[in-house]
N, C-alpha and C. Protein backbone atom coordinates (compact mmCIF):
# COMPACT_ATOMS: atom_id res chain seq x y z
N UNK A 1 31.03 -1.24 -25.96
CA UNK A 1 30.53 -1.20 -24.02
C UNK A 1 29.27 -2.65 -24.20
N UNK A 2 29.33 -3.56 -23.51
CA UNK A 2 28.37 -4.72 -23.59
C UNK A 2 26.79 -4.02 -22.21
N UNK A 3 25.96 -3.89 -23.17
CA UNK A 3 24.62 -3.47 -21.55
C UNK A 3 23.98 -4.72 -21.21
N UNK A 4 23.89 -4.23 -19.93
CA UNK A 4 23.17 -5.23 -19.37
C UNK A 4 21.36 -4.81 -19.29
N UNK A 5 21.31 -3.98 -19.02
CA UNK A 5 20.22 -3.40 -19.41
C UNK A 5 19.11 -2.69 -19.63
N UNK A 6 18.65 -2.46 -20.80
CA UNK A 6 18.20 -1.68 -21.65
C UNK A 6 16.30 -0.90 -21.35
N UNK A 7 16.66 0.05 -21.52
CA UNK A 7 14.92 0.74 -21.62
C UNK A 7 14.21 0.86 -22.53
N UNK A 8 14.17 0.95 -22.74
CA UNK A 8 12.98 1.18 -24.56
C UNK A 8 11.42 1.90 -23.96
N UNK A 9 11.81 3.33 -24.59
CA UNK A 9 11.00 4.20 -24.03
C UNK A 9 10.47 4.99 -25.50
N UNK A 10 9.18 4.22 -25.46
CA UNK A 10 8.06 4.45 -26.42
C UNK A 10 7.10 4.76 -26.13
N UNK A 11 6.43 5.61 -27.85
CA UNK A 11 5.00 6.30 -27.52
C UNK A 11 4.22 5.12 -28.41
N UNK A 12 2.55 4.83 -28.36
CA UNK A 12 2.03 3.38 -28.55
C UNK A 12 1.04 4.36 -29.41
N UNK A 13 1.26 5.89 -29.89
CA UNK A 13 0.88 6.64 -30.43
C UNK A 13 0.91 6.50 -31.82
N UNK A 14 2.13 6.21 -31.49
CA UNK A 14 3.41 7.15 -32.60
C UNK A 14 4.56 5.44 -33.35
N UNK A 15 3.40 4.88 -33.66
CA UNK A 15 3.69 2.81 -33.98
C UNK A 15 5.41 2.91 -34.90
N UNK A 16 5.21 3.91 -35.88
CA UNK A 16 7.04 3.54 -36.28
C UNK A 16 8.30 4.04 -35.78
N UNK A 17 8.16 5.25 -35.37
CA UNK A 17 9.40 5.58 -33.69
C UNK A 17 8.91 4.79 -33.10
N UNK A 18 8.02 3.69 -32.19
CA UNK A 18 7.65 2.95 -30.95
C UNK A 18 8.86 1.56 -31.99
N UNK A 19 8.42 0.81 -33.09
CA UNK A 19 9.06 -0.31 -33.81
C UNK A 19 10.52 0.58 -34.09
N UNK A 20 11.25 1.42 -34.48
CA UNK A 20 12.15 2.31 -34.49
C UNK A 20 13.55 1.78 -33.07
N UNK A 21 12.58 2.20 -31.97
CA UNK A 21 13.48 2.33 -30.93
C UNK A 21 12.82 0.87 -30.35
N UNK A 22 12.86 -0.12 -30.70
CA UNK A 22 12.42 -1.29 -29.90
C UNK A 22 13.92 -2.14 -31.12
N UNK A 23 12.57 -2.34 -31.96
CA UNK A 23 14.64 -2.23 -33.03
C UNK A 23 15.96 -2.42 -32.98
N UNK A 24 16.49 -0.95 -32.57
CA UNK A 24 17.25 -0.89 -32.48
C UNK A 24 17.53 -1.44 -30.43
N UNK A 25 17.23 -1.11 -29.60
CA UNK A 25 17.08 -1.57 -28.41
C UNK A 25 17.24 -2.71 -28.26
N UNK A 26 16.75 -4.16 -29.67
CA UNK A 26 17.38 -5.50 -30.04
C UNK A 26 19.01 -5.24 -30.62
N UNK A 27 18.79 -4.48 -31.48
CA UNK A 27 19.62 -5.17 -31.83
C UNK A 27 21.49 -5.14 -30.85
N UNK A 28 21.12 -3.63 -30.37
CA UNK A 28 22.16 -3.27 -29.12
C UNK A 28 21.79 -4.16 -27.80
N UNK A 29 21.15 -4.67 -27.79
CA UNK A 29 21.08 -6.80 -26.82
C UNK A 29 21.88 -6.83 -27.37
N UNK A 30 21.89 -7.31 -28.01
CA UNK A 30 22.70 -8.84 -28.55
C UNK A 30 21.74 -10.14 -28.19
N UNK A 31 21.84 -11.11 -27.65
CA UNK A 31 21.88 -12.02 -26.82
C UNK A 31 21.86 -12.40 -25.27
N UNK A 32 22.31 -11.28 -24.48
CA UNK A 32 23.07 -10.96 -23.32
C UNK A 32 22.12 -10.15 -22.88
N UNK A 33 21.31 -9.32 -23.38
CA UNK A 33 21.37 -8.13 -22.25
C UNK A 33 19.26 -7.80 -21.54
N UNK A 34 18.71 -7.01 -20.95
CA UNK A 34 17.81 -7.13 -20.54
C UNK A 34 16.79 -5.89 -21.30
N UNK A 35 16.25 -5.79 -21.79
CA UNK A 35 14.99 -5.06 -22.17
C UNK A 35 13.41 -5.04 -22.62
N UNK A 36 14.14 -3.94 -21.57
CA UNK A 36 12.00 -3.29 -21.22
C UNK A 36 11.76 -2.45 -22.07
N UNK A 37 10.54 -2.71 -22.29
CA UNK A 37 9.71 -1.96 -22.99
C UNK A 37 8.87 -0.69 -22.03
N UNK A 38 9.09 0.10 -22.18
CA UNK A 38 7.93 1.04 -21.97
C UNK A 38 6.99 2.52 -22.27
N UNK A 39 5.64 1.93 -21.81
CA UNK A 39 5.14 3.52 -22.45
C UNK A 39 4.57 3.92 -20.88
N UNK A 40 4.79 5.38 -21.56
CA UNK A 40 4.33 6.55 -20.62
C UNK A 40 2.90 6.64 -21.03
N UNK A 41 1.69 6.64 -19.60
CA UNK A 41 0.59 7.65 -20.77
C UNK A 41 0.14 8.58 -19.65
N UNK A 42 -0.49 9.85 -20.04
CA UNK A 42 -0.28 10.55 -19.59
C UNK A 42 -0.87 9.92 -18.63
N UNK A 43 -1.09 11.18 -17.54
CA UNK A 43 -2.77 11.86 -16.28
C UNK A 43 -4.14 12.60 -16.79
N UNK A 44 -4.58 11.59 -17.14
CA UNK A 44 -6.43 12.14 -17.30
C UNK A 44 -6.68 13.35 -15.98
N UNK A 45 -7.44 14.84 -16.63
CA UNK A 45 -7.34 14.95 -15.65
C UNK A 45 -9.28 14.69 -15.03
N UNK A 46 -9.25 14.49 -14.00
CA UNK A 46 -10.24 14.63 -13.07
C UNK A 46 -12.03 14.74 -13.84
N UNK A 47 -11.98 15.80 -14.51
CA UNK A 47 -13.10 16.14 -14.72
C UNK A 47 -12.94 14.78 -16.07
N UNK A 48 -12.52 14.74 -17.06
CA UNK A 48 -12.77 13.18 -17.99
C UNK A 48 -12.80 12.30 -17.58
N UNK A 49 -12.81 11.69 -16.56
CA UNK A 49 -12.59 10.68 -16.01
C UNK A 49 -14.07 9.66 -15.94
N UNK A 50 -15.04 11.12 -15.65
CA UNK A 50 -17.10 11.16 -15.37
C UNK A 50 -17.19 10.61 -17.01
N UNK A 51 -16.57 11.53 -18.55
CA UNK A 51 -16.72 10.62 -19.30
C UNK A 51 -16.86 9.56 -20.16
N UNK A 52 -15.77 8.90 -19.75
CA UNK A 52 -15.04 7.72 -20.20
C UNK A 52 -15.62 6.50 -19.71
N UNK A 53 -15.49 5.45 -20.32
CA UNK A 53 -16.19 3.91 -19.59
C UNK A 53 -14.99 4.05 -18.29
N UNK A 54 -16.04 3.22 -18.07
CA UNK A 54 -15.71 2.77 -15.99
C UNK A 54 -13.81 2.18 -17.36
N UNK A 55 -14.48 0.61 -17.39
CA UNK A 55 -12.58 0.02 -17.20
C UNK A 55 -11.65 0.49 -19.36
N UNK A 56 -12.16 1.87 -18.67
CA UNK A 56 -10.28 2.93 -20.22
C UNK A 56 -9.87 3.12 -19.42
N UNK A 57 -9.09 2.77 -17.83
CA UNK A 57 -7.24 2.66 -18.10
C UNK A 57 -7.21 1.00 -18.36
N UNK A 58 -7.66 0.40 -17.58
CA UNK A 58 -7.40 -1.34 -18.12
C UNK A 58 -7.25 -1.16 -19.72
N UNK A 59 -8.86 -0.99 -20.11
CA UNK A 59 -8.36 -2.14 -22.11
C UNK A 59 -7.39 -0.64 -22.23
N UNK A 60 -6.79 0.78 -22.26
CA UNK A 60 -6.33 1.21 -22.84
C UNK A 60 -4.67 0.78 -22.27
N UNK A 61 -4.10 0.94 -21.23
CA UNK A 61 -3.36 -0.76 -20.68
C UNK A 61 -3.03 -1.56 -21.39
N UNK A 62 -4.04 -2.01 -21.77
CA UNK A 62 -4.33 -3.69 -22.34
C UNK A 62 -4.12 -3.31 -23.84
N UNK A 63 -4.31 -2.59 -25.21
CA UNK A 63 -3.63 -1.92 -26.06
C UNK A 63 -2.97 -2.09 -26.03
N UNK A 64 -1.57 -0.93 -25.47
CA UNK A 64 -0.96 -0.77 -25.27
C UNK A 64 0.28 -1.93 -24.97
N UNK A 65 0.42 -2.69 -24.29
CA UNK A 65 0.84 -3.17 -24.12
C UNK A 65 0.88 -5.13 -25.54
N UNK A 66 -0.17 -5.74 -26.08
CA UNK A 66 -0.28 -5.77 -26.90
C UNK A 66 0.76 -5.24 -27.90
N UNK A 67 0.37 -3.87 -28.17
CA UNK A 67 1.40 -2.94 -29.12
C UNK A 67 2.54 -3.60 -29.47
N UNK A 68 2.99 -3.40 -27.71
CA UNK A 68 4.65 -3.11 -27.54
C UNK A 68 5.58 -4.83 -27.28
N UNK A 69 4.01 -6.01 -27.23
CA UNK A 69 4.17 -7.09 -27.65
C UNK A 69 4.87 -8.08 -28.56
N UNK A 70 4.01 -7.33 -29.68
CA UNK A 70 3.63 -7.40 -31.52
C UNK A 70 5.08 -6.74 -31.86
N UNK A 71 5.46 -5.79 -31.51
CA UNK A 71 6.44 -5.11 -32.27
C UNK A 71 8.54 -5.75 -31.36
N UNK A 72 8.18 -6.34 -30.17
CA UNK A 72 8.53 -6.72 -29.27
C UNK A 72 9.10 -8.16 -29.97
N UNK A 73 8.52 -8.86 -30.88
CA UNK A 73 8.12 -9.87 -31.52
C UNK A 73 8.51 -9.92 -32.68
N UNK A 74 8.33 -8.49 -33.14
CA UNK A 74 8.61 -8.49 -34.73
C UNK A 74 10.21 -8.06 -34.97
N UNK A 75 10.61 -7.53 -33.34
CA UNK A 75 12.67 -7.14 -33.97
C UNK A 75 13.26 -8.29 -33.63
N UNK A 76 12.75 -9.31 -32.72
CA UNK A 76 13.08 -10.84 -32.39
C UNK A 76 13.71 -10.32 -31.30
N UNK A 77 12.69 -9.44 -29.87
CA UNK A 77 13.15 -9.81 -29.02
C UNK A 77 12.59 -10.68 -27.90
N UNK A 78 14.10 -11.37 -27.51
CA UNK A 78 13.85 -12.93 -26.44
C UNK A 78 13.00 -12.91 -25.44
N UNK A 79 11.94 -13.22 -25.26
CA UNK A 79 10.66 -13.34 -24.16
C UNK A 79 11.00 -13.54 -22.57
N UNK A 80 11.97 -14.13 -22.54
CA UNK A 80 12.66 -14.69 -21.45
C UNK A 80 13.73 -13.04 -20.50
N UNK A 81 13.16 -12.10 -21.98
CA UNK A 81 15.02 -11.29 -21.62
C UNK A 81 13.72 -10.35 -22.11
N UNK A 82 12.93 -10.13 -22.12
CA UNK A 82 12.16 -8.88 -22.28
C UNK A 82 10.77 -8.56 -21.55
N UNK A 83 11.16 -7.21 -20.49
CA UNK A 83 9.29 -6.95 -20.17
C UNK A 83 8.43 -6.06 -20.39
N UNK A 84 7.83 -5.77 -20.81
CA UNK A 84 6.78 -4.99 -21.38
C UNK A 84 5.58 -4.50 -20.21
N UNK A 85 5.83 -2.87 -20.24
CA UNK A 85 4.86 -2.21 -18.86
C UNK A 85 4.93 -1.52 -19.35
N UNK A 86 3.68 -0.47 -18.56
CA UNK A 86 2.81 0.84 -18.66
C UNK A 86 3.28 1.52 -16.95
N UNK A 87 3.44 2.41 -18.12
CA UNK A 87 3.58 4.43 -16.27
C UNK A 87 2.92 5.25 -16.25
N UNK A 88 2.26 6.07 -15.48
CA UNK A 88 2.08 7.49 -15.77
C UNK A 88 1.96 8.26 -15.10
N UNK A 89 2.63 9.71 -15.72
CA UNK A 89 2.52 10.61 -15.36
C UNK A 89 3.86 10.99 -16.55
N UNK A 90 4.48 12.20 -16.45
CA UNK A 90 5.68 12.65 -17.21
C UNK A 90 6.47 11.47 -17.36
N UNK A 91 6.68 12.07 -19.15
CA UNK A 91 7.35 10.99 -19.95
C UNK A 91 8.80 11.01 -18.88
N UNK A 92 9.37 12.51 -19.35
CA UNK A 92 10.43 12.94 -18.77
C UNK A 92 10.96 12.11 -17.47
N UNK A 93 9.97 11.89 -16.42
CA UNK A 93 10.13 11.35 -15.01
C UNK A 93 9.89 10.31 -14.83
N UNK A 94 9.13 9.46 -15.26
CA UNK A 94 9.42 8.14 -15.64
C UNK A 94 9.97 7.08 -15.96
N UNK A 95 11.20 7.60 -17.15
CA UNK A 95 11.84 6.67 -18.57
C UNK A 95 12.84 6.79 -17.67
N UNK A 96 12.81 8.67 -16.66
CA UNK A 96 14.16 8.41 -16.14
C UNK A 96 14.48 7.39 -14.40
N UNK A 97 12.73 7.96 -13.77
CA UNK A 97 12.51 7.14 -13.49
C UNK A 97 12.88 5.20 -13.16
N UNK A 98 12.39 4.68 -15.00
CA UNK A 98 12.52 3.38 -14.21
C UNK A 98 13.89 3.44 -14.92
N UNK A 99 15.13 4.30 -15.93
CA UNK A 99 15.86 3.65 -15.83
C UNK A 99 17.03 3.94 -14.24
N UNK A 100 16.36 4.41 -13.09
CA UNK A 100 16.95 4.23 -12.29
C UNK A 100 16.96 3.22 -11.49
N UNK A 101 15.86 2.55 -11.51
CA UNK A 101 14.94 1.54 -10.55
C UNK A 101 15.94 0.23 -10.81
N UNK A 102 15.24 0.04 -12.55
CA UNK A 102 16.16 -1.39 -12.34
C UNK A 102 17.19 -0.95 -13.09
N UNK A 103 18.66 0.45 -12.81
CA UNK A 103 19.27 0.14 -12.57
C UNK A 103 20.35 -0.22 -14.50
N UNK A 104 19.59 0.54 -14.92
CA UNK A 104 19.79 0.46 -16.69
C UNK A 104 21.20 0.98 -17.24
N UNK A 105 21.40 1.07 -18.26
CA UNK A 105 22.82 1.30 -18.33
C UNK A 105 22.35 1.94 -19.68
N UNK A 106 21.62 1.92 -20.16
CA UNK A 106 21.25 2.34 -21.54
C UNK A 106 19.40 2.51 -21.50
N UNK A 107 19.56 4.32 -22.04
CA UNK A 107 17.90 4.35 -22.77
C UNK A 107 17.88 4.35 -24.18
N UNK A 108 17.05 4.40 -25.01
CA UNK A 108 16.66 4.32 -26.17
C UNK A 108 15.24 4.63 -26.34
N UNK A 109 15.25 5.97 -27.07
CA UNK A 109 13.90 6.53 -27.42
C UNK A 109 14.47 6.33 -29.01
N UNK A 110 13.28 7.09 -29.41
CA UNK A 110 13.73 7.22 -31.15
C UNK A 110 12.58 8.32 -31.22
N UNK A 111 12.95 9.20 -32.16
CA UNK A 111 12.35 10.53 -32.77
C UNK A 111 12.75 11.05 -33.54
N UNK A 112 11.60 11.68 -34.25
CA UNK A 112 11.54 12.10 -35.20
C UNK A 112 13.16 12.92 -35.50
N UNK A 113 13.20 13.65 -37.13
CA UNK A 113 13.65 14.76 -36.41
C UNK A 113 12.92 16.64 -36.35
N UNK A 114 13.70 17.68 -35.93
CA UNK A 114 13.83 17.92 -35.18
C UNK A 114 12.58 19.16 -36.11
N UNK A 115 11.86 19.87 -34.82
CA UNK A 115 11.49 21.48 -35.90
C UNK A 115 11.81 22.57 -35.60
N UNK A 116 11.53 23.61 -35.98
CA UNK A 116 11.77 24.58 -34.65
C UNK A 116 10.81 24.47 -33.64
N UNK A 117 9.58 24.36 -34.04
CA UNK A 117 8.54 24.28 -32.81
C UNK A 117 9.76 23.39 -31.46
N UNK A 118 9.68 22.05 -31.91
CA UNK A 118 10.01 21.47 -31.04
C UNK A 118 11.63 22.07 -30.54
N UNK A 119 12.91 21.95 -31.52
CA UNK A 119 13.27 22.88 -31.06
C UNK A 119 12.74 24.23 -29.53
N UNK A 120 12.06 24.95 -29.90
CA UNK A 120 11.67 26.26 -29.14
C UNK A 120 11.31 25.63 -28.30
N UNK A 121 9.41 25.05 -27.43
CA UNK A 121 9.59 24.05 -26.48
C UNK A 121 9.77 23.02 -25.94
N UNK A 122 10.97 22.47 -27.00
CA UNK A 122 11.56 21.54 -25.92
C UNK A 122 10.51 19.99 -26.84
N UNK A 123 11.66 18.60 -25.69
CA UNK A 123 10.58 17.14 -26.46
C UNK A 123 11.20 16.55 -25.45
N UNK A 124 10.40 15.36 -25.15
CA UNK A 124 10.20 14.48 -24.39
C UNK A 124 11.61 14.03 -24.95
N UNK A 125 12.38 13.42 -26.13
CA UNK A 125 13.35 12.91 -26.19
C UNK A 125 14.57 13.87 -26.08
N UNK A 126 14.49 15.56 -26.06
CA UNK A 126 15.68 16.15 -25.26
C UNK A 126 15.39 15.96 -23.83
N UNK A 127 14.13 16.47 -23.59
CA UNK A 127 14.18 15.96 -21.69
C UNK A 127 14.94 14.96 -21.40
N UNK A 128 14.41 13.83 -21.91
CA UNK A 128 15.76 12.51 -21.36
C UNK A 128 16.90 12.75 -21.30
N UNK A 129 17.85 13.15 -22.23
CA UNK A 129 18.97 13.40 -23.28
C UNK A 129 20.08 13.94 -22.42
N UNK A 130 18.41 15.42 -21.66
CA UNK A 130 20.13 15.97 -21.15
C UNK A 130 19.62 15.45 -19.26
N UNK A 131 18.34 15.20 -19.26
CA UNK A 131 18.38 14.81 -17.60
C UNK A 131 18.86 13.44 -17.20
N UNK A 132 19.21 12.49 -18.11
CA UNK A 132 19.13 11.54 -18.12
C UNK A 132 20.56 10.66 -17.27
N UNK A 133 21.04 10.18 -16.29
CA UNK A 133 22.39 9.83 -15.41
C UNK A 133 22.48 8.21 -16.73
N UNK A 134 22.17 7.82 -16.91
CA UNK A 134 23.71 7.09 -18.40
C UNK A 134 22.94 7.10 -19.31
N UNK A 135 23.37 6.71 -20.54
CA UNK A 135 23.87 6.29 -21.19
C UNK A 135 22.53 6.30 -22.56
N UNK A 136 22.31 7.36 -23.72
CA UNK A 136 21.10 7.39 -24.30
C UNK A 136 21.05 7.13 -26.10
N UNK A 137 20.42 6.74 -25.99
CA UNK A 137 20.76 6.41 -27.34
C UNK A 137 19.41 6.77 -28.01
N UNK A 138 19.26 8.26 -29.10
CA UNK A 138 18.12 8.65 -29.93
C UNK A 138 18.25 7.77 -31.06
N UNK A 139 17.48 7.38 -31.65
CA UNK A 139 17.48 6.66 -32.57
C UNK A 139 16.72 7.93 -33.80
N UNK A 140 16.68 8.10 -34.91
CA UNK A 140 16.34 9.70 -35.74
C UNK A 140 15.65 8.48 -37.21
N UNK A 141 14.45 8.89 -36.93
CA UNK A 141 14.00 8.74 -38.49
C UNK A 141 13.14 10.00 -38.66
N UNK A 142 12.93 9.70 -40.00
CA UNK A 142 11.33 10.20 -41.06
C UNK A 142 10.32 10.19 -40.48
N UNK A 143 10.06 8.45 -39.81
CA UNK A 143 8.68 8.61 -39.61
C UNK A 143 8.05 9.69 -38.61
N UNK A 144 6.63 9.26 -38.43
CA UNK A 144 5.80 10.25 -37.57
C UNK A 144 4.83 9.74 -36.00
């Protein structure tokens, strides 16, 4: 089944997992599908914003986009069919919202092997798999 629109949800703080998700999205996309690489940034509590430099938000986003762009190039993704961006919020909610808004037919995420803690408490990958209205490809890796 060919896919037309793929969301590759990544965490820039786990480069090996991010690379694995992007590489898998590139493989599935082939030469036809559009790939949207998404990093969801957490909300910062208001009380912390006073402690950060005034351009923290912009720098955080720029750094994330730069990393994702490099990983997309490593994976051989065509820049014409690739979008890279960030959102703020809960990972599960933002990934699913993005998939719905873009009418994606596949979400690609990478996940390390589950631990007892993640099985008991849940994980972003698990939440996306259980709540997604579209197919989800979970790329397993031992990388952290």
